[in-house]
Amino acid sequence: MKEKPDVLQGTLALMVLKTLDVMGAQHGWGIARRIEQISGDLLAVNQGTLYPLLLKLEHEGSIASRVGAHRKTTAARASTGFTGAGPQANPGETRGWEQTAAIIARFFKVKADDLA
C-alpha cells in the first residue's frame, strides 16, 4: 500500500480554517478526517502536527474550543469552531493563497519553447 504524504508545511492552517468555515465546529479528529477526505485520501494529517496548530490558532484568536468530559473520566477538547475573527478576519490571506497556487500552476504548465 502506498504511503500518504503529510500535508505540506504552511498549508494545514488554511485547510483547517476552511474546513471549519464549511463544516462548523469539529473535533480535531473530525477535522483531520475531513481534510483527508477532501484530498481524495491523498494526504495524511499527522495528529502531532494538527493539535499544536489548533492550539496556535486558538491563541491567535482565530478559533475557540471548549473542554468537555471524554468517556466520563478525562477532560478533552470537545470541539473547535471560529471566533468572531474567523476566516473573514484576513481575506488577504485567502487571496494570497489563491495567487500562490496560480503562480505554482504556471510553473507546471511552462515549456522550454515558451521561454524563447
PDB file of N, CA and C in Angstrom:
ATOM      1  N   MET A   1       0.851  -1.187   0.000  1.00  0.00           N
ATOM      2  CA  MET A   1       0.000   0.000   0.000  1.00  0.00           C
ATOM      3  C   MET A   1       0.888   1.239   0.000  1.00  0.00           C
ATOM      4  N   LYS A   2       0.579   2.178  -0.861  1.00  0.00           N
ATOM      5  CA  LYS A   2       1.360   3.403  -0.975  1.00  0.00           C
ATOM      6  C   LYS A   2       1.115   4.301   0.238  1.00  0.00           C
ATOM      7  N   GLU A   3       2.203   4.834   0.792  1.00  0.00           N
ATOM      8  CA  GLU A   3       2.106   5.700   1.960  1.00  0.00           C
ATOM      9  C   GLU A   3       1.655   7.099   1.548  1.00  0.00           C
ATOM     10  N   LYS A   4       0.737   7.685   2.319  1.00  0.00           N
ATOM     11  CA  LYS A   4       0.246   9.033   2.035  1.00  0.00           C
ATOM     12  C   LYS A   4       1.267  10.060   2.498  1.00  0.00           C
ATOM     13  N   PRO A   5       1.467  11.118   1.702  1.00  0.00           N
ATOM     14  CA  PRO A   5       2.368  12.175   2.177  1.00  0.00           C
ATOM     15  C   PRO A   5       1.682  13.020   3.243  1.00  0.00           C
ATOM     16  N   ASP A   6       2.482  13.613   4.125  1.00  0.00           N
ATOM     17  CA  ASP A   6       1.933  14.556   5.095  1.00  0.00           C
ATOM     18  C   ASP A   6       1.531  15.828   4.367  1.00  0.00           C
ATOM     19  N   VAL A   7       0.689  16.605   4.991  1.00  0.00           N
ATOM     20  CA  VAL A   7       0.264  17.891   4.449  1.00  0.00           C
ATOM     21  C   VAL A   7       1.492  18.799   4.366  1.00  0.00           C
ATOM     22  N   LEU A   8       1.611  19.542   3.275  1.00  0.00           N
ATOM     23  CA  LEU A   8       2.742  20.446   3.102  1.00  0.00           C
ATOM     24  C   LEU A   8       2.766  21.510   4.187  1.00  0.00           C
ATOM     25  N   GLN A   9       3.961  21.809   4.671  1.00  0.00           N
ATOM     26  CA  GLN A   9       4.123  22.821   5.705  1.00  0.00           C
ATOM     27  C   GLN A   9       3.535  24.152   5.231  1.00  0.00           C
ATOM     28  N   GLY A  10       2.821  24.793   6.092  1.00  0.00           N
ATOM     29  CA  GLY A  10       2.242  26.087   5.772  1.00  0.00           C
ATOM     30  C   GLY A  10       0.845  26.021   5.183  1.00  0.00           C
ATOM     31  N   THR A  11       0.400  24.827   4.783  1.00  0.00           N
ATOM     32  CA  THR A  11      -0.920  24.721   4.184  1.00  0.00           C
ATOM     33  C   THR A  11      -1.976  24.191   5.148  1.00  0.00           C
ATOM     34  N   LEU A  12      -1.553  23.549   6.228  1.00  0.00           N
ATOM     35  CA  LEU A  12      -2.507  22.926   7.135  1.00  0.00           C
ATOM     36  C   LEU A  12      -3.436  23.946   7.787  1.00  0.00           C
ATOM     37  N   ALA A  13      -2.911  25.086   8.191  1.00  0.00           N
ATOM     38  CA  ALA A  13      -3.762  26.099   8.838  1.00  0.00           C
ATOM     39  C   ALA A  13      -4.884  26.533   7.906  1.00  0.00           C
ATOM     40  N   LEU A  14      -4.555  26.752   6.658  1.00  0.00           N
ATOM     41  CA  LEU A  14      -5.579  27.146   5.691  1.00  0.00           C
ATOM     42  C   LEU A  14      -6.636  26.049   5.541  1.00  0.00           C
ATOM     43  N   MET A  15      -6.189  24.799   5.457  1.00  0.00           N
ATOM     44  CA  MET A  15      -7.135  23.694   5.318  1.00  0.00           C
ATOM     45  C   MET A  15      -8.025  23.566   6.549  1.00  0.00           C
ATOM     46  N   VAL A  16      -7.447  23.737   7.724  1.00  0.00           N
ATOM     47  CA  VAL A  16      -8.222  23.666   8.966  1.00  0.00           C
ATOM     48  C   VAL A  16      -9.265  24.780   9.001  1.00  0.00           C
ATOM     49  N   LEU A  17      -8.841  25.999   8.720  1.00  0.00           N
ATOM     50  CA  LEU A  17      -9.774  27.128   8.772  1.00  0.00           C
ATOM     51  C   LEU A  17     -10.883  26.979   7.745  1.00  0.00           C
ATOM     52  N   LYS A  18     -10.555  26.523   6.550  1.00  0.00           N
ATOM     53  CA  LYS A  18     -11.579  26.338   5.520  1.00  0.00           C
ATOM     54  C   LYS A  18     -12.527  25.209   5.908  1.00  0.00           C
ATOM     55  N   THR A  19     -11.994  24.147   6.500  1.00  0.00           N
ATOM     56  CA  THR A  19     -12.836  23.038   6.953  1.00  0.00           C
ATOM     57  C   THR A  19     -13.835  23.520   8.001  1.00  0.00           C
ATOM     58  N   LEU A  20     -13.365  24.304   8.969  1.00  0.00           N
ATOM     59  CA  LEU A  20     -14.264  24.832   9.995  1.00  0.00           C
ATOM     60  C   LEU A  20     -15.268  25.818   9.409  1.00  0.00           C
ATOM     61  N   ASP A  21     -14.836  26.580   8.409  1.00  0.00           N
ATOM     62  CA  ASP A  21     -15.727  27.530   7.754  1.00  0.00           C
ATOM     63  C   ASP A  21     -16.889  26.797   7.099  1.00  0.00           C
ATOM     64  N   VAL A  22     -16.605  25.677   6.464  1.00  0.00           N
ATOM     65  CA  VAL A  22     -17.627  24.926   5.738  1.00  0.00           C
ATOM     66  C   VAL A  22     -18.460  24.046   6.665  1.00  0.00           C
ATOM     67  N   MET A  23     -17.807  23.381   7.621  1.00  0.00           N
ATOM     68  CA  MET A  23     -18.491  22.368   8.420  1.00  0.00           C
ATOM     69  C   MET A  23     -18.926  22.822   9.807  1.00  0.00           C
ATOM     70  N   GLY A  24     -18.418  23.950  10.267  1.00  0.00           N
ATOM     71  CA  GLY A  24     -18.725  24.365  11.623  1.00  0.00           C
ATOM     72  C   GLY A  24     -17.834  23.651  12.619  1.00  0.00           C
ATOM     73  N   ALA A  25     -18.183  23.719  13.888  1.00  0.00           N
ATOM     74  CA  ALA A  25     -17.363  23.166  14.963  1.00  0.00           C
ATOM     75  C   ALA A  25     -17.112  21.676  14.755  1.00  0.00           C
ATOM     76  N   GLN A  26     -15.876  21.270  14.971  1.00  0.00           N
ATOM     77  CA  GLN A  26     -15.454  19.883  14.794  1.00  0.00           C
ATOM     78  C   GLN A  26     -14.422  19.512  15.849  1.00  0.00           C
ATOM     79  N   HIS A  27     -14.355  18.247  16.185  1.00  0.00           N
ATOM     80  CA  HIS A  27     -13.244  17.725  16.972  1.00  0.00           C
ATOM     81  C   HIS A  27     -12.013  17.705  16.066  1.00  0.00           C
ATOM     82  N   GLY A  28     -10.831  17.675  16.657  1.00  0.00           N
ATOM     83  CA  GLY A  28      -9.605  17.590  15.870  1.00  0.00           C
ATOM     84  C   GLY A  28      -9.595  16.379  14.960  1.00  0.00           C
ATOM     85  N   TRP A  29     -10.079  15.243  15.463  1.00  0.00           N
ATOM     86  CA  TRP A  29     -10.116  14.023  14.667  1.00  0.00           C
ATOM     87  C   TRP A  29     -11.003  14.226  13.442  1.00  0.00           C
ATOM     88  N   GLY A  30     -12.152  14.882  13.627  1.00  0.00           N
ATOM     89  CA  GLY A  30     -13.064  15.140  12.518  1.00  0.00           C
ATOM     90  C   GLY A  30     -12.455  16.069  11.479  1.00  0.00           C
ATOM     91  N   ILE A  31     -11.706  17.057  11.947  1.00  0.00           N
ATOM     92  CA  ILE A  31     -11.025  17.976  11.033  1.00  0.00           C
ATOM     93  C   ILE A  31     -10.017  17.190  10.194  1.00  0.00           C
ATOM     94  N   ALA A  32      -9.236  16.350  10.848  1.00  0.00           N
ATOM     95  CA  ALA A  32      -8.220  15.561  10.140  1.00  0.00           C
ATOM     96  C   ALA A  32      -8.863  14.647   9.106  1.00  0.00           C
ATOM     97  N   ARG A  33      -9.929  13.962   9.481  1.00  0.00           N
ATOM     98  CA  ARG A  33     -10.592  13.045   8.542  1.00  0.00           C
ATOM     99  C   ARG A  33     -11.175  13.803   7.361  1.00  0.00           C
ATOM    100  N   ARG A  34     -11.744  14.986   7.614  1.00  0.00           N
ATOM    101  CA  ARG A  34     -12.349  15.767   6.530  1.00  0.00           C
ATOM    102  C   ARG A  34     -11.278  16.244   5.548  1.00  0.00           C
ATOM    103  N   ILE A  35     -10.141  16.694   6.054  1.00  0.00           N
ATOM    104  CA  ILE A  35      -9.050  17.130   5.169  1.00  0.00           C
ATOM    105  C   ILE A  35      -8.576  15.953   4.316  1.00  0.00           C
ATOM    106  N   GLU A  36      -8.432  14.785   4.935  1.00  0.00           N
ATOM    107  CA  GLU A  36      -8.023  13.602   4.184  1.00  0.00           C
ATOM    108  C   GLU A  36      -9.065  13.242   3.136  1.00  0.00           C
ATOM    109  N   GLN A  37     -10.344  13.354   3.499  1.00  0.00           N
ATOM    110  CA  GLN A  37     -11.433  13.040   2.571  1.00  0.00           C
ATOM    111  C   GLN A  37     -11.430  14.002   1.390  1.00  0.00           C
ATOM    112  N   ILE A  38     -11.315  15.298   1.661  1.00  0.00           N
ATOM    113  CA  ILE A  38     -11.325  16.293   0.579  1.00  0.00           C
ATOM    114  C   ILE A  38     -10.146  16.079  -0.363  1.00  0.00           C
ATOM    115  N   SER A  39      -9.011  15.635   0.172  1.00  0.00           N
ATOM    116  CA  SER A  39      -7.836  15.399  -0.673  1.00  0.00           C
ATOM    117  C   SER A  39      -7.976  14.124  -1.491  1.00  0.00           C
ATOM    118  N   GLY A  40      -9.080  13.419  -1.348  1.00  0.00           N
ATOM    119  CA  GLY A  40      -9.239  12.149  -2.040  1.00  0.00           C
ATOM    120  C   GLY A  40      -8.362  11.077  -1.415  1.00  0.00           C
ATOM    121  N   ASP A  41      -8.123  11.214  -0.123  1.00  0.00           N
ATOM    122  CA  ASP A  41      -7.257  10.316   0.638  1.00  0.00           C
ATOM    123  C   ASP A  41      -5.824  10.308   0.114  1.00  0.00           C
ATOM    124  N   LEU A  42      -5.404  11.432  -0.454  1.00  0.00           N
ATOM    125  CA  LEU A  42      -4.019  11.561  -0.909  1.00  0.00           C
ATOM    126  C   LEU A  42      -3.119  12.144   0.167  1.00  0.00           C
ATOM    127  N   LEU A  43      -3.722  12.791   1.170  1.00  0.00           N
ATOM    128  CA  LEU A  43      -2.956  13.399   2.258  1.00  0.00           C
ATOM    129  C   LEU A  43      -3.222  12.676   3.566  1.00  0.00           C
ATOM    130  N   ALA A  44      -2.220  12.682   4.423  1.00  0.00           N
ATOM    131  CA  ALA A  44      -2.369  12.175   5.784  1.00  0.00           C
ATOM    132  C   ALA A  44      -2.140  13.341   6.740  1.00  0.00           C
ATOM    133  N   VAL A  45      -3.058  13.532   7.676  1.00  0.00           N
ATOM    134  CA  VAL A  45      -2.917  14.606   8.657  1.00  0.00           C
ATOM    135  C   VAL A  45      -2.333  14.012   9.929  1.00  0.00           C
ATOM    136  N   ASN A  46      -1.148  14.438  10.263  1.00  0.00           N
ATOM    137  CA  ASN A  46      -0.430  13.964  11.435  1.00  0.00           C
ATOM    138  C   ASN A  46      -1.023  14.630  12.679  1.00  0.00           C
ATOM    139  N   GLN A  47      -1.497  13.814  13.616  1.00  0.00           N
ATOM    140  CA  GLN A  47      -2.109  14.351  14.836  1.00  0.00           C
ATOM    141  C   GLN A  47      -1.115  15.177  15.641  1.00  0.00           C
ATOM    142  N   GLY A  48       0.168  14.814  15.577  1.00  0.00           N
ATOM    143  CA  GLY A  48       1.197  15.551  16.292  1.00  0.00           C
ATOM    144  C   GLY A  48       1.448  16.926  15.715  1.00  0.00           C
ATOM    145  N   THR A  49       0.974  17.160  14.514  1.00  0.00           N
ATOM    146  CA  THR A  49       1.056  18.473  13.881  1.00  0.00           C
ATOM    147  C   THR A  49      -0.256  19.225  14.038  1.00  0.00           C
ATOM    148  N   LEU A  50      -1.375  18.508  13.930  1.00  0.00           N
ATOM    149  CA  LEU A  50      -2.690  19.141  13.968  1.00  0.00           C
ATOM    150  C   LEU A  50      -2.997  19.785  15.316  1.00  0.00           C
ATOM    151  N   TYR A  51      -2.806  19.069  16.405  1.00  0.00           N
ATOM    152  CA  TYR A  51      -3.224  19.591  17.706  1.00  0.00           C
ATOM    153  C   TYR A  51      -2.414  20.817  18.148  1.00  0.00           C
ATOM    154  N   PRO A  52      -1.095  20.841  17.933  1.00  0.00           N
ATOM    155  CA  PRO A  52      -0.374  22.082  18.236  1.00  0.00           C
ATOM    156  C   PRO A  52      -0.855  23.247  17.361  1.00  0.00           C
ATOM    157  N   LEU A  53      -1.203  22.959  16.107  1.00  0.00           N
ATOM    158  CA  LEU A  53      -1.718  24.017  15.231  1.00  0.00           C
ATOM    159  C   LEU A  53      -3.052  24.544  15.760  1.00  0.00           C
ATOM    160  N   LEU A  54      -3.923  23.645  16.208  1.00  0.00           N
ATOM    161  CA  LEU A  54      -5.209  24.087  16.761  1.00  0.00           C
ATOM    162  C   LEU A  54      -4.990  24.991  17.975  1.00  0.00           C
ATOM    163  N   LEU A  55      -4.034  24.631  18.827  1.00  0.00           N
ATOM    164  CA  LEU A  55      -3.715  25.480  19.979  1.00  0.00           C
ATOM    165  C   LEU A  55      -3.185  26.839  19.530  1.00  0.00           C
ATOM    166  N   LYS A  56      -2.338  26.844  18.513  1.00  0.00           N
ATOM    167  CA  LYS A  56      -1.792  28.098  17.980  1.00  0.00           C
ATOM    168  C   LYS A  56      -2.913  28.975  17.429  1.00  0.00           C
ATOM    169  N   LEU A  57      -3.821  28.393  16.657  1.00  0.00           N
ATOM    170  CA  LEU A  57      -4.940  29.159  16.106  1.00  0.00           C
ATOM    171  C   LEU A  57      -5.842  29.693  17.219  1.00  0.00           C
ATOM    172  N   GLU A  58      -5.975  28.914  18.282  1.00  0.00           N
ATOM    173  CA  GLU A  58      -6.775  29.373  19.417  1.00  0.00           C
ATOM    174  C   GLU A  58      -6.090  30.551  20.115  1.00  0.00           C
ATOM    175  N   HIS A  59      -4.783  30.454  20.326  1.00  0.00           N
ATOM    176  CA  HIS A  59      -4.041  31.550  20.968  1.00  0.00           C
ATOM    177  C   HIS A  59      -4.058  32.819  20.124  1.00  0.00           C
ATOM    178  N   GLU A  60      -4.089  32.652  18.793  1.00  0.00           N
ATOM    179  CA  GLU A  60      -4.158  33.808  17.888  1.00  0.00           C
ATOM    180  C   GLU A  60      -5.555  34.425  17.868  1.00  0.00           C
ATOM    181  N   GLY A  61      -6.537  33.693  18.378  1.00  0.00           N
ATOM    182  CA  GLY A  61      -7.904  34.192  18.398  1.00  0.00           C
ATOM    183  C   GLY A  61      -8.709  33.841  17.160  1.00  0.00           C
ATOM    184  N   SER A  62      -8.182  32.977  16.299  1.00  0.00           N
ATOM    185  CA  SER A  62      -8.903  32.590  15.086  1.00  0.00           C
ATOM    186  C   SER A  62      -9.995  31.567  15.356  1.00  0.00           C
ATOM    187  N   ILE A  63      -9.756  30.685  16.322  1.00  0.00           N
ATOM    188  CA  ILE A  63     -10.737  29.665  16.670  1.00  0.00           C
ATOM    189  C   ILE A  63     -10.887  29.627  18.190  1.00  0.00           C
ATOM    190  N   ALA A  64     -11.940  28.971  18.628  1.00  0.00           N
ATOM    191  CA  ALA A  64     -12.166  28.768  20.060  1.00  0.00           C
ATOM    192  C   ALA A  64     -12.492  27.300  20.268  1.00  0.00           C
ATOM    193  N   SER A  65     -12.197  26.791  21.431  1.00  0.00           N
ATOM    194  CA  SER A  65     -12.545  25.412  21.738  1.00  0.00           C
ATOM    195  C   SER A  65     -13.129  25.363  23.132  1.00  0.00           C
ATOM    196  N   ARG A  66     -13.810  24.295  23.406  1.00  0.00           N
ATOM    197  CA  ARG A  66     -14.335  24.105  24.750  1.00  0.00           C
ATOM    198  C   ARG A  66     -13.869  22.746  25.250  1.00  0.00           C
ATOM    199  N   VAL A  67     -13.727  22.644  26.526  1.00  0.00           N
ATOM    200  CA  VAL A  67     -13.270  21.402  27.138  1.00  0.00           C
ATOM    201  C   VAL A  67     -14.474  20.705  27.741  1.00  0.00           C
ATOM    202  N   GLY A  68     -14.595  19.433  27.458  1.00  0.00           N
ATOM    203  CA  GLY A  68     -15.705  18.655  27.989  1.00  0.00           C
ATOM    204  C   GLY A  68     -15.205  17.318  28.481  1.00  0.00           C
ATOM    205  N   ALA A  69     -16.106  16.543  29.049  1.00  0.00           N
ATOM    206  CA  ALA A  69     -15.732  15.218  29.556  1.00  0.00           C
ATOM    207  C   ALA A  69     -15.600  14.248  28.398  1.00  0.00           C
ATOM    208  N   HIS A  70     -14.583  13.435  28.469  1.00  0.00           N
ATOM    209  CA  HIS A  70     -14.352  12.405  27.466  1.00  0.00           C
ATOM    210  C   HIS A  70     -14.435  11.060  28.170  1.00  0.00           C
ATOM    211  N   ARG A  71     -15.417  10.264  27.803  1.00  0.00           N
ATOM    212  CA  ARG A  71     -15.640   8.957  28.435  1.00  0.00           C
ATOM    213  C   ARG A  71     -15.799   9.078  29.951  1.00  0.00           C
ATOM    214  N   LYS A  72     -16.273  10.208  30.380  1.00  0.00           N
ATOM    215  CA  LYS A  72     -16.599  10.465  31.791  1.00  0.00           C
ATOM    216  C   LYS A  72     -15.405  10.349  32.738  1.00  0.00           C
ATOM    217  N   THR A  73     -14.191  10.287  32.199  1.00  0.00           N
ATOM    218  CA  THR A  73     -13.045  10.138  33.093  1.00  0.00           C
ATOM    219  C   THR A  73     -12.008  11.234  32.918  1.00  0.00           C
ATOM    220  N   THR A  74     -11.837  11.735  31.729  1.00  0.00           N
ATOM    221  CA  THR A  74     -10.804  12.731  31.499  1.00  0.00           C
ATOM    222  C   THR A  74     -11.375  13.934  30.772  1.00  0.00           C
ATOM    223  N   ALA A  75     -10.721  15.055  30.946  1.00  0.00           N
ATOM    224  CA  ALA A  75     -11.121  16.253  30.216  1.00  0.00           C
ATOM    225  C   ALA A  75     -10.500  16.192  28.831  1.00  0.00           C
ATOM    226  N   ALA A  76     -11.249  16.627  27.852  1.00  0.00           N
ATOM    227  CA  ALA A  76     -10.742  16.632  26.479  1.00  0.00           C
ATOM    228  C   ALA A  76     -11.336  17.814  25.738  1.00  0.00           C
ATOM    229  N   ARG A  77     -10.614  18.313  24.774  1.00  0.00           N
ATOM    230  CA  ARG A  77     -11.122  19.377  23.934  1.00  0.00           C
ATOM    231  C   ARG A  77     -12.266  18.822  23.115  1.00  0.00           C
ATOM    232  N   ALA A  78     -13.464  19.335  23.346  1.00  0.00           N
ATOM    233  CA  ALA A  78     -14.655  18.745  22.741  1.00  0.00           C
ATOM    234  C   ALA A  78     -14.866  19.174  21.305  1.00  0.00           C
ATOM    235  N   SER A  79     -14.628  20.417  20.994  1.00  0.00           N
ATOM    236  CA  SER A  79     -14.845  20.843  19.620  1.00  0.00           C
ATOM    237  C   SER A  79     -14.109  22.150  19.375  1.00  0.00           C
ATOM    238  N   THR A  80     -13.959  22.453  18.133  1.00  0.00           N
ATOM    239  CA  THR A  80     -13.268  23.665  17.746  1.00  0.00           C
ATOM    240  C   THR A  80     -14.131  24.386  16.724  1.00  0.00           C
ATOM    241  N   GLY A  81     -14.251  25.692  16.871  1.00  0.00           N
ATOM    242  CA  GLY A  81     -15.019  26.479  15.921  1.00  0.00           C
ATOM    243  C   GLY A  81     -14.477  27.892  15.869  1.00  0.00           C
ATOM    244  N   PHE A  82     -14.978  28.666  14.946  1.00  0.00           N
ATOM    245  CA  PHE A  82     -14.489  30.023  14.757  1.00  0.00           C
ATOM    246  C   PHE A  82     -14.914  30.950  15.873  1.00  0.00           C
ATOM    247  N   THR A  83     -14.042  31.907  16.147  1.00  0.00           N
ATOM    248  CA  THR A  83     -14.407  33.030  16.994  1.00  0.00           C
ATOM    249  C   THR A  83     -14.950  34.089  16.048  1.00  0.00           C
ATOM    250  N   GLY A  84     -15.208  35.265  16.545  1.00  0.00           N
ATOM    251  CA  GLY A  84     -15.648  36.348  15.681  1.00  0.00           C
ATOM    252  C   GLY A  84     -14.615  36.689  14.622  1.00  0.00           C
ATOM    253  N   ALA A  85     -13.348  36.379  14.908  1.00  0.00           N
ATOM    254  CA  ALA A  85     -12.283  36.694  13.949  1.00  0.00           C
ATOM    255  C   ALA A  85     -12.402  35.811  12.722  1.00  0.00           C
ATOM    256  N   GLY A  86     -12.566  34.515  12.905  1.00  0.00           N
ATOM    257  CA  GLY A  86     -12.804  33.562  11.837  1.00  0.00           C
ATOM    258  C   GLY A  86     -12.032  33.796  10.551  1.00  0.00           C
ATOM    259  N   PRO A  87     -12.477  33.179   9.468  1.00  0.00           N
ATOM    260  CA  PRO A  87     -11.755  33.292   8.206  1.00  0.00           C
ATOM    261  C   PRO A  87     -11.906  34.660   7.560  1.00  0.00           C
ATOM    262  N   GLN A  88     -12.940  35.391   7.932  1.00  0.00           N
ATOM    263  CA  GLN A  88     -13.154  36.703   7.347  1.00  0.00           C
ATOM    264  C   GLN A  88     -12.206  37.750   7.915  1.00  0.00           C
ATOM    265  N   ALA A  89     -11.504  37.407   8.989  1.00  0.00           N
ATOM    266  CA  ALA A  89     -10.620  38.372   9.634  1.00  0.00           C
ATOM    267  C   ALA A  89      -9.475  38.788   8.731  1.00  0.00           C
ATOM    268  N   ASN A  90      -9.056  37.910   7.846  1.00  0.00           N
ATOM    269  CA  ASN A  90      -7.948  38.234   6.969  1.00  0.00           C
ATOM    270  C   ASN A  90      -8.221  37.729   5.550  1.00  0.00           C
ATOM    271  N   PRO A  91      -9.103  38.416   4.805  1.00  0.00           N
ATOM    272  CA  PRO A  91      -9.394  37.976   3.441  1.00  0.00           C
ATOM    273  C   PRO A  91      -8.171  38.031   2.541  1.00  0.00           C
ATOM    274  N   GLY A  92      -7.185  38.851   2.895  1.00  0.00           N
ATOM    275  CA  GLY A  92      -5.962  38.927   2.112  1.00  0.00           C
ATOM    276  C   GLY A  92      -5.198  37.617   2.136  1.00  0.00           C
ATOM    277  N   GLU A  93      -5.323  36.869   3.223  1.00  0.00           N
ATOM    278  CA  GLU A  93      -4.641  35.583   3.314  1.00  0.00           C
ATOM    279  C   GLU A  93      -5.189  34.612   2.275  1.00  0.00           C
ATOM    280  N   THR A  94      -6.506  34.590   2.113  1.00  0.00           N
ATOM    281  CA  THR A  94      -7.110  33.722   1.104  1.00  0.00           C
ATOM    282  C   THR A  94      -6.660  34.142  -0.289  1.00  0.00           C
ATOM    283  N   ARG A  95      -6.681  35.436  -0.556  1.00  0.00           N
ATOM    284  CA  ARG A  95      -6.213  35.915  -1.867  1.00  0.00           C
ATOM    285  C   ARG A  95      -4.753  35.550  -2.085  1.00  0.00           C
ATOM    286  N   GLY A  96      -3.951  35.659  -1.036  1.00  0.00           N
ATOM    287  CA  GLY A  96      -2.543  35.308  -1.144  1.00  0.00           C
ATOM    288  C   GLY A  96      -2.336  33.851  -1.518  1.00  0.00           C
ATOM    289  N   TRP A  97      -3.112  32.943  -0.893  1.00  0.00           N
ATOM    290  CA  TRP A  97      -3.005  31.525  -1.218  1.00  0.00           C
ATOM    291  C   TRP A  97      -3.472  31.257  -2.636  1.00  0.00           C
ATOM    292  N   GLU A  98      -4.538  31.925  -3.062  1.00  0.00           N
ATOM    293  CA  GLU A  98      -5.020  31.738  -4.432  1.00  0.00           C
ATOM    294  C   GLU A  98      -3.971  32.203  -5.434  1.00  0.00           C
ATOM    295  N   GLN A  99      -3.326  33.311  -5.144  1.00  0.00           N
ATOM    296  CA  GLN A  99      -2.278  33.821  -6.023  1.00  0.00           C
ATOM    297  C   GLN A  99      -1.086  32.867  -6.047  1.00  0.00           C
ATOM    298  N   THR A 100      -0.686  32.366  -4.893  1.00  0.00           N
ATOM    299  CA  THR A 100       0.432  31.423  -4.821  1.00  0.00           C
ATOM    300  C   THR A 100       0.125  30.161  -5.617  1.00  0.00           C
ATOM    301  N   ALA A 101      -1.085  29.640  -5.482  1.00  0.00           N
ATOM    302  CA  ALA A 101      -1.476  28.439  -6.225  1.00  0.00           C
ATOM    303  C   ALA A 101      -1.440  28.698  -7.731  1.00  0.00           C
ATOM    304  N   ALA A 102      -1.892  29.876  -8.153  1.00  0.00           N
ATOM    305  CA  ALA A 102      -1.876  30.219  -9.575  1.00  0.00           C
ATOM    306  C   ALA A 102      -0.446  30.320 -10.106  1.00  0.00           C
ATOM    307  N   ILE A 103       0.440  30.894  -9.322  1.00  0.00           N
ATOM    308  CA  ILE A 103       1.843  31.019  -9.743  1.00  0.00           C
ATOM    309  C   ILE A 103       2.485  29.637  -9.875  1.00  0.00           C
ATOM    310  N   ILE A 104       2.267  28.782  -8.904  1.00  0.00           N
ATOM    311  CA  ILE A 104       2.836  27.435  -8.969  1.00  0.00           C
ATOM    312  C   ILE A 104       2.273  26.675 -10.162  1.00  0.00           C
ATOM    313  N   ALA A 105       0.981  26.825 -10.429  1.00  0.00           N
ATOM    314  CA  ALA A 105       0.365  26.165 -11.585  1.00  0.00           C
ATOM    315  C   ALA A 105       1.040  26.601 -12.884  1.00  0.00           C
ATOM    316  N   ARG A 106       1.455  27.844 -12.980  1.00  0.00           N
ATOM    317  CA  ARG A 106       2.152  28.325 -14.179  1.00  0.00           C
ATOM    318  C   ARG A 106       3.456  27.559 -14.396  1.00  0.00           C
ATOM    319  N   PHE A 107       4.169  27.258 -13.318  1.00  0.00           N
ATOM    320  CA  PHE A 107       5.432  26.528 -13.445  1.00  0.00           C
ATOM    321  C   PHE A 107       5.220  25.116 -13.987  1.00  0.00           C
ATOM    322  N   PHE A 108       4.098  24.503 -13.674  1.00  0.00           N
ATOM    323  CA  PHE A 108       3.821  23.174 -14.193  1.00  0.00           C
ATOM    324  C   PHE A 108       3.380  23.215 -15.647  1.00  0.00           C
ATOM    325  N   LYS A 109       2.893  24.343 -16.117  1.00  0.00           N
ATOM    326  CA  LYS A 109       2.415  24.481 -17.490  1.00  0.00           C
ATOM    327  C   LYS A 109       3.495  24.943 -18.459  1.00  0.00           C
ATOM    328  N   VAL A 110       4.513  25.644 -17.971  1.00  0.00           N
ATOM    329  CA  VAL A 110       5.511  26.248 -18.846  1.00  0.00           C
ATOM    330  C   VAL A 110       6.372  25.178 -19.507  1.00  0.00           C
ATOM    331  N   LYS A 111       6.696  25.431 -20.773  1.00  0.00           N
ATOM    332  CA  LYS A 111       7.571  24.551 -21.541  1.00  0.00           C
ATOM    333  C   LYS A 111       8.748  25.361 -22.019  1.00  0.00           C
ATOM    334  N   ALA A 112       9.833  24.705 -22.394  1.00  0.00           N
ATOM    335  CA  ALA A 112      11.043  25.385 -22.834  1.00  0.00           C
ATOM    336  C   ALA A 112      10.760  26.328 -23.994  1.00  0.00           C
ATOM    337  N   ASP A 113       9.874  25.935 -24.896  1.00  0.00           N
ATOM    338  CA  ASP A 113       9.548  26.786 -26.061  1.00  0.00           C
ATOM    339  C   ASP A 113       8.890  28.092 -25.640  1.00  0.00           C
ATOM    340  N   ASP A 114       8.186  28.081 -24.499  1.00  0.00           N
ATOM    341  CA  ASP A 114       7.521  29.289 -24.023  1.00  0.00           C
ATOM    342  C   ASP A 114       8.528  30.354 -23.567  1.00  0.00           C
ATOM    343  N   LEU A 115       9.730  29.934 -23.232  1.00  0.00           N
ATOM    344  CA  LEU A 115      10.733  30.844 -22.690  1.00  0.00           C
ATOM    345  C   LEU A 115      11.611  31.477 -23.768  1.00  0.00           C
ATOM    346  N   ALA A 116      11.492  31.024 -25.001  1.00  0.00           N
ATOM    347  CA  ALA A 116      12.335  31.557 -26.085  1.00  0.00           C
ATOM    348  C   ALA A 116      11.919  32.929 -26.504  1.00  0.00           C
TER     349      ALA A 116
END
